[in-house]
Amino acid sequence: MSETKKIKTALVSVFHKDGLEALLQKLHNEGVKFLSTGGTQKFIEELGYPCQAVEEVTTYPSILGGRVKTLHPKIFGGILGRRELEGDREQMAKYEIPEIDLVIVDLYPFEDTVASGASESDIIEKIDIGGISLIRAGAKNFKDVVIVPSKAEYQPLLNILEKNGAQTTLEERRWFATQAFGVSSHYDTAIHAYFAQ
């Protein structure tokens, strides 16, 4: 059975903006609402699309030099909330947690930074925390959420949107989750290899 879910709200937080325009345009045309942070929010707004700041939802600014932006119960609750569970829905309503149906994220370029011969402190700053957590949360709750963990998945999502509008099947969401765990596994393996050398 294919449980079809509509995408109503997308959290977009990416390091690399290239290739994102077509996807944002299609999502906007389908009436999807955008949530974002910092540079990505500015990028979305410069394309002419309305975008709510994550800080508006969390009521917290980006802190610790940008190390903590999305790590908040209102964001992770919105991704991890199980739509079919009455208890989860009640808590989401009680704590004003918005449902987030699509997460588009990519990770800080850890491997590129290591390869560039950067200092250890620069390399450590490129260990992504929020992004990897968003990827894992979106993939874990694939029953309700589409997770786009890198720009390699922009086109597959665009193909689905072109064909079916802003809705996905359970099989499609599971496919994105599979890619997401592949991305997170590769990333952690690269970090482990750096520390182990």
N, C-alpha and C. Protein backbone atom coordinates (compact mmCIF):
# COMPACT_ATOMS: atom_id res chain seq x y z
N MET A 1 0.85 -1.19 0.00
CA MET A 1 0.00 0.00 0.00
C MET A 1 0.89 1.25 0.00
N SER A 2 0.52 2.22 -0.84
CA SER A 2 1.37 3.42 -0.87
C SER A 2 0.67 4.57 -0.17
N GLU A 3 1.17 4.89 1.02
CA GLU A 3 0.61 6.00 1.81
C GLU A 3 1.12 7.30 1.23
N THR A 4 0.25 8.04 0.57
CA THR A 4 0.65 9.30 -0.05
C THR A 4 0.56 10.42 0.97
N LYS A 5 1.58 11.25 1.01
CA LYS A 5 1.61 12.39 1.94
C LYS A 5 1.86 13.67 1.15
N LYS A 6 1.18 14.72 1.56
CA LYS A 6 1.36 16.02 0.92
C LYS A 6 2.48 16.79 1.61
N ILE A 7 3.29 17.48 0.82
CA ILE A 7 4.34 18.35 1.37
C ILE A 7 3.75 19.74 1.53
N LYS A 8 3.67 20.20 2.78
CA LYS A 8 3.12 21.55 3.03
C LYS A 8 4.19 22.52 3.52
N THR A 9 5.12 22.01 4.34
CA THR A 9 6.19 22.86 4.89
C THR A 9 7.55 22.20 4.68
N ALA A 10 8.50 22.99 4.16
CA ALA A 10 9.85 22.48 3.91
C ALA A 10 10.86 23.27 4.72
N LEU A 11 11.75 22.56 5.40
CA LEU A 11 12.89 23.18 6.06
C LEU A 11 14.08 23.06 5.11
N VAL A 12 14.65 24.20 4.72
CA VAL A 12 15.76 24.20 3.76
C VAL A 12 16.96 24.85 4.44
N SER A 13 18.05 24.09 4.57
CA SER A 13 19.26 24.62 5.20
C SER A 13 20.46 23.96 4.54
N VAL A 14 21.05 24.65 3.55
CA VAL A 14 22.11 24.02 2.77
C VAL A 14 23.38 24.86 2.75
N PHE A 15 24.51 24.18 2.65
CA PHE A 15 25.81 24.85 2.54
C PHE A 15 26.03 25.26 1.09
N HIS A 16 25.77 24.34 0.14
CA HIS A 16 25.92 24.63 -1.30
C HIS A 16 24.55 24.97 -1.88
N LYS A 17 24.43 26.15 -2.48
CA LYS A 17 23.13 26.59 -3.00
C LYS A 17 22.93 26.22 -4.49
N ASP A 18 24.01 25.79 -5.16
CA ASP A 18 23.89 25.54 -6.60
C ASP A 18 22.93 24.39 -6.89
N GLY A 19 22.10 24.59 -7.90
CA GLY A 19 21.14 23.57 -8.32
C GLY A 19 19.84 23.57 -7.54
N LEU A 20 19.72 24.49 -6.58
CA LEU A 20 18.54 24.52 -5.71
C LEU A 20 17.37 25.29 -6.32
N GLU A 21 17.67 26.23 -7.24
CA GLU A 21 16.64 27.16 -7.74
C GLU A 21 15.42 26.46 -8.31
N ALA A 22 15.63 25.47 -9.19
CA ALA A 22 14.50 24.81 -9.86
C ALA A 22 13.60 24.10 -8.84
N LEU A 23 14.23 23.49 -7.85
CA LEU A 23 13.48 22.78 -6.82
C LEU A 23 12.65 23.76 -5.98
N LEU A 24 13.27 24.87 -5.58
CA LEU A 24 12.55 25.88 -4.79
C LEU A 24 11.38 26.47 -5.59
N GLN A 25 11.62 26.72 -6.88
CA GLN A 25 10.57 27.30 -7.72
C GLN A 25 9.36 26.36 -7.79
N LYS A 26 9.64 25.08 -8.02
CA LYS A 26 8.56 24.10 -8.13
C LYS A 26 7.81 23.96 -6.80
N LEU A 27 8.56 23.90 -5.70
CA LEU A 27 7.91 23.79 -4.38
C LEU A 27 7.04 25.01 -4.10
N HIS A 28 7.58 26.19 -4.42
CA HIS A 28 6.81 27.43 -4.21
C HIS A 28 5.53 27.41 -5.04
N ASN A 29 5.65 27.00 -6.30
CA ASN A 29 4.49 26.94 -7.20
C ASN A 29 3.44 25.95 -6.70
N GLU A 30 3.89 24.96 -5.94
CA GLU A 30 2.97 23.95 -5.38
C GLU A 30 2.40 24.41 -4.03
N GLY A 31 2.77 25.63 -3.61
CA GLY A 31 2.21 26.18 -2.36
C GLY A 31 2.91 25.73 -1.10
N VAL A 32 4.13 25.18 -1.25
CA VAL A 32 4.88 24.73 -0.07
C VAL A 32 5.49 25.94 0.63
N LYS A 33 5.39 25.95 1.96
CA LYS A 33 5.91 27.05 2.78
C LYS A 33 7.36 26.73 3.15
N PHE A 34 8.23 27.76 3.13
CA PHE A 34 9.64 27.56 3.44
C PHE A 34 10.00 28.05 4.84
N LEU A 35 10.86 27.26 5.49
CA LEU A 35 11.48 27.61 6.78
C LEU A 35 12.98 27.53 6.55
N SER A 36 13.75 28.49 7.04
CA SER A 36 15.19 28.40 6.80
C SER A 36 16.00 29.20 7.79
N THR A 37 17.35 29.15 7.58
CA THR A 37 18.28 29.86 8.46
C THR A 37 19.26 30.66 7.62
N GLY A 38 19.78 31.72 8.20
CA GLY A 38 20.92 32.48 7.67
C GLY A 38 20.99 32.65 6.17
N GLY A 39 22.10 32.16 5.61
CA GLY A 39 22.39 32.35 4.19
C GLY A 39 21.37 31.70 3.27
N THR A 40 20.84 30.56 3.67
CA THR A 40 19.83 29.89 2.83
C THR A 40 18.54 30.69 2.81
N GLN A 41 18.16 31.24 3.96
CA GLN A 41 16.96 32.07 4.01
C GLN A 41 17.10 33.28 3.08
N LYS A 42 18.25 33.92 3.13
CA LYS A 42 18.53 35.08 2.28
C LYS A 42 18.45 34.68 0.80
N PHE A 43 19.01 33.52 0.47
CA PHE A 43 19.00 33.00 -0.90
C PHE A 43 17.56 32.79 -1.38
N ILE A 44 16.72 32.19 -0.54
CA ILE A 44 15.32 31.93 -0.89
C ILE A 44 14.57 33.24 -1.10
N GLU A 45 14.80 34.19 -0.19
CA GLU A 45 14.10 35.48 -0.29
C GLU A 45 14.56 36.28 -1.50
N GLU A 46 15.85 36.17 -1.85
CA GLU A 46 16.35 36.87 -3.04
C GLU A 46 15.75 36.31 -4.32
N LEU A 47 15.31 35.05 -4.28
CA LEU A 47 14.61 34.47 -5.43
C LEU A 47 13.15 34.93 -5.49
N GLY A 48 12.74 35.65 -4.43
CA GLY A 48 11.39 36.22 -4.42
C GLY A 48 10.35 35.38 -3.70
N TYR A 49 10.79 34.37 -2.93
CA TYR A 49 9.83 33.51 -2.24
C TYR A 49 9.79 33.85 -0.76
N PRO A 50 8.59 33.87 -0.16
CA PRO A 50 8.53 34.12 1.29
C PRO A 50 9.17 32.96 2.05
N CYS A 51 9.82 33.30 3.15
CA CYS A 51 10.53 32.27 3.93
C CYS A 51 10.53 32.68 5.40
N GLN A 52 10.06 31.79 6.25
CA GLN A 52 10.06 32.08 7.69
C GLN A 52 11.40 31.68 8.29
N ALA A 53 11.92 32.54 9.15
CA ALA A 53 13.19 32.23 9.83
C ALA A 53 12.96 31.17 10.89
N VAL A 54 13.87 30.21 10.98
CA VAL A 54 13.82 29.19 12.03
C VAL A 54 13.78 29.86 13.40
N GLU A 55 14.52 30.96 13.53
CA GLU A 55 14.56 31.70 14.82
C GLU A 55 13.17 32.19 15.24
N GLU A 56 12.31 32.47 14.25
CA GLU A 56 10.95 32.90 14.55
C GLU A 56 10.15 31.76 15.17
N VAL A 57 10.41 30.56 14.71
CA VAL A 57 9.72 29.37 15.22
C VAL A 57 10.25 29.01 16.60
N THR A 58 11.59 29.02 16.75
CA THR A 58 12.20 28.57 18.01
C THR A 58 12.24 29.67 19.07
N THR A 59 12.14 30.92 18.63
CA THR A 59 12.33 32.13 19.46
C THR A 59 13.74 32.19 20.06
N TYR A 60 14.68 31.48 19.44
CA TYR A 60 16.10 31.52 19.83
C TYR A 60 16.91 32.02 18.65
N PRO A 61 17.91 32.88 18.89
CA PRO A 61 18.79 33.25 17.78
C PRO A 61 19.77 32.12 17.47
N SER A 62 20.45 32.23 16.34
CA SER A 62 21.58 31.35 16.03
C SER A 62 22.68 31.71 17.05
N ILE A 63 23.20 30.71 17.77
CA ILE A 63 24.16 31.02 18.84
C ILE A 63 25.48 30.26 18.65
N LEU A 64 26.45 30.61 19.47
CA LEU A 64 27.77 29.98 19.51
C LEU A 64 28.44 29.99 18.14
N GLY A 65 28.40 31.16 17.51
CA GLY A 65 29.05 31.32 16.22
C GLY A 65 28.42 30.46 15.13
N GLY A 66 27.11 30.24 15.24
CA GLY A 66 26.40 29.45 14.23
C GLY A 66 26.42 27.95 14.50
N ARG A 67 27.06 27.54 15.60
CA ARG A 67 27.10 26.10 15.91
C ARG A 67 25.71 25.56 16.27
N VAL A 68 24.85 26.41 16.83
CA VAL A 68 23.50 25.98 17.21
C VAL A 68 22.46 26.88 16.55
N LYS A 69 21.77 26.32 15.54
CA LYS A 69 20.72 27.06 14.84
C LYS A 69 19.40 26.28 14.84
N THR A 70 19.47 25.06 14.33
CA THR A 70 18.24 24.27 14.14
C THR A 70 18.01 23.28 15.29
N LEU A 71 19.01 23.12 16.17
CA LEU A 71 18.89 22.11 17.24
C LEU A 71 17.92 22.61 18.32
N HIS A 72 16.65 22.31 18.13
CA HIS A 72 15.61 22.83 19.03
C HIS A 72 14.39 21.90 18.95
N PRO A 73 13.69 21.68 20.08
CA PRO A 73 12.51 20.79 20.08
C PRO A 73 11.43 21.19 19.07
N LYS A 74 11.29 22.48 18.79
CA LYS A 74 10.24 22.90 17.84
C LYS A 74 10.58 22.48 16.41
N ILE A 75 11.88 22.39 16.11
CA ILE A 75 12.29 21.94 14.78
C ILE A 75 12.30 20.41 14.73
N PHE A 76 12.97 19.79 15.70
CA PHE A 76 13.06 18.32 15.67
C PHE A 76 11.72 17.66 15.99
N GLY A 77 10.91 18.32 16.82
CA GLY A 77 9.56 17.82 17.06
C GLY A 77 8.74 17.85 15.78
N GLY A 78 8.94 18.91 14.99
CA GLY A 78 8.20 19.05 13.73
C GLY A 78 8.57 17.99 12.71
N ILE A 79 9.81 17.49 12.80
CA ILE A 79 10.27 16.45 11.88
C ILE A 79 9.93 15.06 12.42
N LEU A 80 10.12 14.86 13.73
CA LEU A 80 9.98 13.52 14.32
C LEU A 80 8.57 13.18 14.79
N GLY A 81 7.68 14.18 14.86
CA GLY A 81 6.31 13.92 15.31
C GLY A 81 5.62 12.92 14.39
N ARG A 82 5.03 11.88 15.00
CA ARG A 82 4.34 10.83 14.23
C ARG A 82 2.90 11.26 14.02
N ARG A 83 2.58 11.57 12.75
CA ARG A 83 1.27 12.17 12.44
C ARG A 83 0.10 11.24 12.77
N GLU A 84 0.37 9.93 12.79
CA GLU A 84 -0.74 8.99 13.04
C GLU A 84 -0.99 8.79 14.53
N LEU A 85 -0.09 9.28 15.39
CA LEU A 85 -0.26 9.09 16.84
C LEU A 85 -0.93 10.30 17.46
N GLU A 86 -2.07 10.06 18.08
CA GLU A 86 -2.84 11.15 18.68
C GLU A 86 -2.02 11.89 19.74
N GLY A 87 -1.25 11.13 20.54
CA GLY A 87 -0.42 11.73 21.59
C GLY A 87 0.61 12.70 21.03
N ASP A 88 1.26 12.29 19.93
CA ASP A 88 2.24 13.18 19.28
C ASP A 88 1.55 14.43 18.75
N ARG A 89 0.39 14.24 18.11
CA ARG A 89 -0.33 15.40 17.54
C ARG A 89 -0.75 16.37 18.64
N GLU A 90 -1.20 15.82 19.76
CA GLU A 90 -1.62 16.67 20.89
C GLU A 90 -0.44 17.47 21.44
N GLN A 91 0.72 16.80 21.59
CA GLN A 91 1.90 17.51 22.09
C GLN A 91 2.37 18.58 21.10
N MET A 92 2.30 18.27 19.82
CA MET A 92 2.71 19.25 18.80
C MET A 92 1.81 20.49 18.88
N ALA A 93 0.52 20.26 19.09
CA ALA A 93 -0.42 21.39 19.21
C ALA A 93 -0.14 22.17 20.50
N LYS A 94 0.06 21.44 21.59
CA LYS A 94 0.29 22.07 22.90
C LYS A 94 1.53 22.97 22.88
N TYR A 95 2.61 22.48 22.28
CA TYR A 95 3.87 23.23 22.29
C TYR A 95 4.10 24.04 21.01
N GLU A 96 3.03 24.16 20.21
CA GLU A 96 3.08 24.96 18.96
C GLU A 96 4.25 24.52 18.07
N ILE A 97 4.31 23.23 17.83
CA ILE A 97 5.35 22.65 16.98
C ILE A 97 4.79 22.48 15.57
N PRO A 98 5.39 23.13 14.58
CA PRO A 98 4.87 23.01 13.21
C PRO A 98 5.25 21.68 12.57
N GLU A 99 4.35 21.10 11.78
CA GLU A 99 4.69 19.89 11.04
C GLU A 99 5.66 20.26 9.92
N ILE A 100 6.78 19.57 9.85
CA ILE A 100 7.75 19.77 8.77
C ILE A 100 7.74 18.49 7.93
N ASP A 101 7.36 18.63 6.65
CA ASP A 101 7.13 17.46 5.80
C ASP A 101 8.30 17.15 4.87
N LEU A 102 9.16 18.14 4.68
CA LEU A 102 10.30 17.99 3.77
C LEU A 102 11.50 18.68 4.39
N VAL A 103 12.63 17.99 4.41
CA VAL A 103 13.88 18.57 4.91
C VAL A 103 14.90 18.51 3.77
N ILE A 104 15.41 19.68 3.37
CA ILE A 104 16.45 19.74 2.34
C ILE A 104 17.70 20.29 3.02
N VAL A 105 18.73 19.46 3.07
CA VAL A 105 19.92 19.84 3.83
C VAL A 105 21.14 19.28 3.13
N ASP A 106 22.27 19.93 3.27
CA ASP A 106 23.51 19.27 2.90
C ASP A 106 24.52 19.58 3.99
N LEU A 107 25.61 18.87 3.99
CA LEU A 107 26.53 18.93 5.12
C LEU A 107 27.73 19.82 4.84
N TYR A 108 28.31 20.36 5.90
CA TYR A 108 29.56 21.12 5.76
C TYR A 108 30.58 20.24 5.03
N PRO A 109 31.40 20.83 4.17
CA PRO A 109 32.33 20.03 3.36
C PRO A 109 33.55 19.57 4.17
N PHE A 110 33.34 18.57 5.00
CA PHE A 110 34.41 18.08 5.86
C PHE A 110 35.58 17.52 5.05
N GLU A 111 35.30 16.62 4.12
CA GLU A 111 36.38 15.97 3.35
C GLU A 111 37.17 16.97 2.52
N ASP A 112 36.46 17.93 1.90
CA ASP A 112 37.14 18.96 1.10
C ASP A 112 38.06 19.80 1.98
N THR A 113 37.60 20.08 3.20
CA THR A 113 38.39 20.89 4.13
C THR A 113 39.66 20.15 4.54
N VAL A 114 39.53 18.84 4.82
CA VAL A 114 40.70 18.02 5.16
C VAL A 114 41.67 18.01 3.97
N ALA A 115 41.13 17.78 2.76
CA ALA A 115 41.96 17.68 1.55
C ALA A 115 42.69 18.99 1.23
N SER A 116 42.10 20.11 1.67
CA SER A 116 42.71 21.42 1.37
C SER A 116 43.94 21.71 2.24
N GLY A 117 44.19 20.85 3.23
CA GLY A 117 45.32 21.06 4.13
C GLY A 117 45.03 22.12 5.19
N ALA A 118 43.74 22.33 5.48
CA ALA A 118 43.33 23.33 6.48
C ALA A 118 43.84 22.94 7.87
N SER A 119 43.82 23.92 8.77
CA SER A 119 44.26 23.67 10.15
C SER A 119 43.26 22.76 10.86
N GLU A 120 43.72 22.13 11.94
CA GLU A 120 42.81 21.25 12.69
C GLU A 120 41.58 22.01 13.18
N SER A 121 41.75 23.25 13.64
CA SER A 121 40.58 23.98 14.15
C SER A 121 39.56 24.24 13.04
N ASP A 122 40.05 24.53 11.82
CA ASP A 122 39.12 24.73 10.69
C ASP A 122 38.41 23.42 10.34
N ILE A 123 39.15 22.33 10.40
CA ILE A 123 38.57 21.01 10.09
C ILE A 123 37.49 20.65 11.11
N ILE A 124 37.78 20.89 12.38
CA ILE A 124 36.81 20.58 13.45
C ILE A 124 35.52 21.38 13.24
N GLU A 125 35.64 22.65 12.82
CA GLU A 125 34.44 23.47 12.60
C GLU A 125 33.59 22.95 11.44
N LYS A 126 34.20 22.14 10.58
CA LYS A 126 33.44 21.59 9.45
C LYS A 126 32.83 20.22 9.79
N ILE A 127 32.82 19.85 11.06
CA ILE A 127 32.06 18.67 11.48
C ILE A 127 30.63 19.14 11.70
N ASP A 128 29.74 18.72 10.83
CA ASP A 128 28.35 19.17 10.87
C ASP A 128 27.60 18.47 12.01
N ILE A 129 26.85 19.24 12.78
CA ILE A 129 26.05 18.68 13.87
C ILE A 129 24.56 18.81 13.55
N GLY A 130 24.12 20.04 13.31
CA GLY A 130 22.70 20.27 13.00
C GLY A 130 22.26 19.54 11.75
N GLY A 131 23.08 19.64 10.69
CA GLY A 131 22.72 19.02 9.41
C GLY A 131 22.59 17.51 9.52
N ILE A 132 23.58 16.88 10.15
CA ILE A 132 23.54 15.42 10.27
C ILE A 132 22.37 14.98 11.13
N SER A 133 22.04 15.78 12.14
CA SER A 133 20.89 15.46 13.02
C SER A 133 19.58 15.60 12.25
N LEU A 134 19.48 16.64 11.41
CA LEU A 134 18.28 16.82 10.58
C LEU A 134 18.12 15.64 9.61
N ILE A 135 19.24 15.22 9.03
CA ILE A 135 19.19 14.10 8.08
C ILE A 135 18.69 12.83 8.78
N ARG A 136 19.26 12.55 9.95
CA ARG A 136 18.86 11.33 10.67
C ARG A 136 17.40 11.40 11.13
N ALA A 137 16.98 12.57 11.59
CA ALA A 137 15.59 12.72 12.05
C ALA A 137 14.62 12.54 10.89
N GLY A 138 14.91 13.21 9.76
CA GLY A 138 14.03 13.09 8.60
C GLY A 138 13.96 11.66 8.09
N ALA A 139 15.12 10.99 8.06
CA ALA A 139 15.16 9.60 7.57
C ALA A 139 14.44 8.66 8.54
N LYS A 140 14.62 8.88 9.83
CA LYS A 140 13.95 8.03 10.82
C LYS A 140 12.44 8.11 10.67
N ASN A 141 11.93 9.32 10.40
CA ASN A 141 10.47 9.50 10.29
C ASN A 141 10.01 9.55 8.83
N PHE A 142 10.60 8.67 8.00
CA PHE A 142 10.26 8.66 6.57
C PHE A 142 8.79 8.35 6.32
N LYS A 143 8.09 7.79 7.31
CA LYS A 143 6.66 7.54 7.12
C LYS A 143 5.92 8.85 6.85
N ASP A 144 6.45 9.95 7.41
CA ASP A 144 5.78 11.25 7.26
C ASP A 144 6.62 12.30 6.55
N VAL A 145 7.92 12.08 6.44
CA VAL A 145 8.83 13.17 6.02
C VAL A 145 9.68 12.74 4.82
N VAL A 146 9.89 13.68 3.90
CA VAL A 146 10.83 13.48 2.79
C VAL A 146 12.16 14.11 3.21
N ILE A 147 13.24 13.34 3.13
CA ILE A 147 14.56 13.88 3.47
C ILE A 147 15.42 13.94 2.21
N VAL A 148 15.92 15.15 1.91
CA VAL A 148 16.84 15.35 0.78
C VAL A 148 18.20 15.67 1.39
N PRO A 149 19.12 14.68 1.47
CA PRO A 149 20.35 14.83 2.25
C PRO A 149 21.53 15.42 1.48
N SER A 150 21.38 15.63 0.17
CA SER A 150 22.47 16.22 -0.61
C SER A 150 21.90 16.67 -1.95
N LYS A 151 22.70 17.42 -2.71
CA LYS A 151 22.16 17.92 -3.98
C LYS A 151 21.96 16.80 -5.00
N ALA A 152 22.54 15.62 -4.76
CA ALA A 152 22.31 14.47 -5.64
C ALA A 152 20.83 14.06 -5.66
N GLU A 153 20.09 14.43 -4.62
CA GLU A 153 18.66 14.07 -4.55
C GLU A 153 17.72 15.18 -5.01
N TYR A 154 18.27 16.34 -5.43
CA TYR A 154 17.40 17.42 -5.91
C TYR A 154 16.58 16.96 -7.12
N GLN A 155 17.27 16.37 -8.10
CA GLN A 155 16.60 15.98 -9.35
C GLN A 155 15.55 14.89 -9.13
N PRO A 156 15.87 13.83 -8.36
CA PRO A 156 14.82 12.83 -8.10
C PRO A 156 13.57 13.43 -7.47
N LEU A 157 13.74 14.38 -6.53
CA LEU A 157 12.57 15.01 -5.93
C LEU A 157 11.84 15.87 -6.96
N LEU A 158 12.60 16.61 -7.77
CA LEU A 158 11.99 17.45 -8.80
C LEU A 158 11.17 16.58 -9.77
N ASN A 159 11.70 15.42 -10.14
CA ASN A 159 10.97 14.51 -11.03
C ASN A 159 9.63 14.10 -10.43
N ILE A 160 9.64 13.81 -9.13
CA ILE A 160 8.40 13.42 -8.43
C ILE A 160 7.41 14.58 -8.43
N LEU A 161 7.91 15.79 -8.11
CA LEU A 161 7.06 16.99 -8.07
C LEU A 161 6.44 17.27 -9.43
N GLU A 162 7.25 17.12 -10.50
CA GLU A 162 6.76 17.37 -11.86
C GLU A 162 5.65 16.39 -12.21
N LYS A 163 5.80 15.16 -11.74
CA LYS A 163 4.86 14.10 -12.11
C LYS A 163 3.59 14.12 -11.24
N ASN A 164 3.77 14.30 -9.93
CA ASN A 164 2.64 14.12 -9.00
C ASN A 164 2.29 15.35 -8.17
N GLY A 165 2.96 16.48 -8.41
CA GLY A 165 2.75 17.63 -7.53
C GLY A 165 3.45 17.38 -6.20
N ALA A 166 3.09 18.16 -5.19
CA ALA A 166 3.80 18.11 -3.90
C ALA A 166 3.31 16.97 -3.02
N GLN A 167 3.40 15.75 -3.56
CA GLN A 167 3.06 14.60 -2.73
C GLN A 167 3.95 13.42 -3.08
N THR A 168 4.18 12.58 -2.08
CA THR A 168 5.08 11.45 -2.25
C THR A 168 4.44 10.19 -1.69
N THR A 169 4.87 9.06 -2.20
CA THR A 169 4.41 7.77 -1.68
C THR A 169 5.37 7.30 -0.58
N LEU A 170 4.93 6.33 0.18
CA LEU A 170 5.76 5.75 1.24
C LEU A 170 7.04 5.16 0.64
N GLU A 171 6.91 4.49 -0.52
CA GLU A 171 8.08 3.90 -1.18
C GLU A 171 9.10 4.97 -1.55
N GLU A 172 8.60 6.09 -2.05
CA GLU A 172 9.50 7.19 -2.42
C GLU A 172 10.21 7.75 -1.19
N ARG A 173 9.46 7.93 -0.12
CA ARG A 173 10.07 8.48 1.10
C ARG A 173 11.10 7.51 1.68
N ARG A 174 10.83 6.22 1.57
CA ARG A 174 11.79 5.22 2.04
C ARG A 174 13.08 5.28 1.20
N TRP A 175 12.93 5.51 -0.12
CA TRP A 175 14.10 5.62 -0.99
C TRP A 175 14.98 6.81 -0.55
N PHE A 176 14.34 7.96 -0.28
CA PHE A 176 15.11 9.13 0.18
C PHE A 176 15.79 8.84 1.52
N ALA A 177 15.11 8.14 2.41
CA ALA A 177 15.69 7.79 3.72
C ALA A 177 16.92 6.90 3.53
N THR A 178 16.84 5.98 2.58
CA THR A 178 17.98 5.10 2.30
C THR A 178 19.19 5.91 1.84
N GLN A 179 18.95 6.87 0.93
CA GLN A 179 20.04 7.75 0.48
C GLN A 179 20.60 8.53 1.68
N ALA A 180 19.70 8.99 2.56
CA ALA A 180 20.10 9.81 3.70
C ALA A 180 21.03 9.04 4.64
N PHE A 181 20.70 7.79 4.94
CA PHE A 181 21.57 7.01 5.83
C PHE A 181 22.90 6.71 5.14
N GLY A 182 22.88 6.60 3.81
CA GLY A 182 24.14 6.45 3.07
C GLY A 182 25.02 7.68 3.22
N VAL A 183 24.41 8.87 3.10
CA VAL A 183 25.14 10.13 3.25
C VAL A 183 25.72 10.24 4.66
N SER A 184 24.89 9.96 5.67
CA SER A 184 25.37 10.12 7.06
C SER A 184 26.46 9.10 7.39
N SER A 185 26.32 7.89 6.87
CA SER A 185 27.32 6.85 7.11
C SER A 185 28.66 7.24 6.47
N HIS A 186 28.62 7.72 5.23
CA HIS A 186 29.84 8.13 4.53
C HIS A 186 30.53 9.27 5.30
N TYR A 187 29.71 10.23 5.75
CA TYR A 187 30.23 11.41 6.45
C TYR A 187 30.94 11.02 7.75
N ASP A 188 30.26 10.19 8.54
CA ASP A 188 30.86 9.77 9.82
C ASP A 188 32.10 8.92 9.60
N THR A 189 32.11 8.12 8.54
CA THR A 189 33.29 7.31 8.22
C THR A 189 34.48 8.22 7.90
N ALA A 190 34.24 9.30 7.16
CA ALA A 190 35.31 10.24 6.82
C ALA A 190 35.84 10.93 8.07
N ILE A 191 34.96 11.31 8.97
CA ILE A 191 35.38 11.97 10.22
C ILE A 191 36.18 10.98 11.08
N HIS A 192 35.70 9.76 11.16
CA HIS A 192 36.41 8.73 11.93
C HIS A 192 37.81 8.51 11.36
N ALA A 193 37.91 8.44 10.04
CA ALA A 193 39.20 8.21 9.39
C ALA A 193 40.17 9.35 9.71
N TYR A 194 39.65 10.58 9.73
CA TYR A 194 40.51 11.74 10.06
C TYR A 194 41.05 11.61 11.49
N PHE A 195 40.17 11.30 12.43
CA PHE A 195 40.59 11.21 13.84
C PHE A 195 41.50 10.02 14.08
N ALA A 196 41.30 8.96 13.30
CA ALA A 196 42.08 7.73 13.51
C ALA A 196 43.47 7.79 12.93
N GLN A 197 43.72 8.77 12.04
CA GLN A 197 45.02 8.77 11.35
C GLN A 197 46.16 9.21 12.29
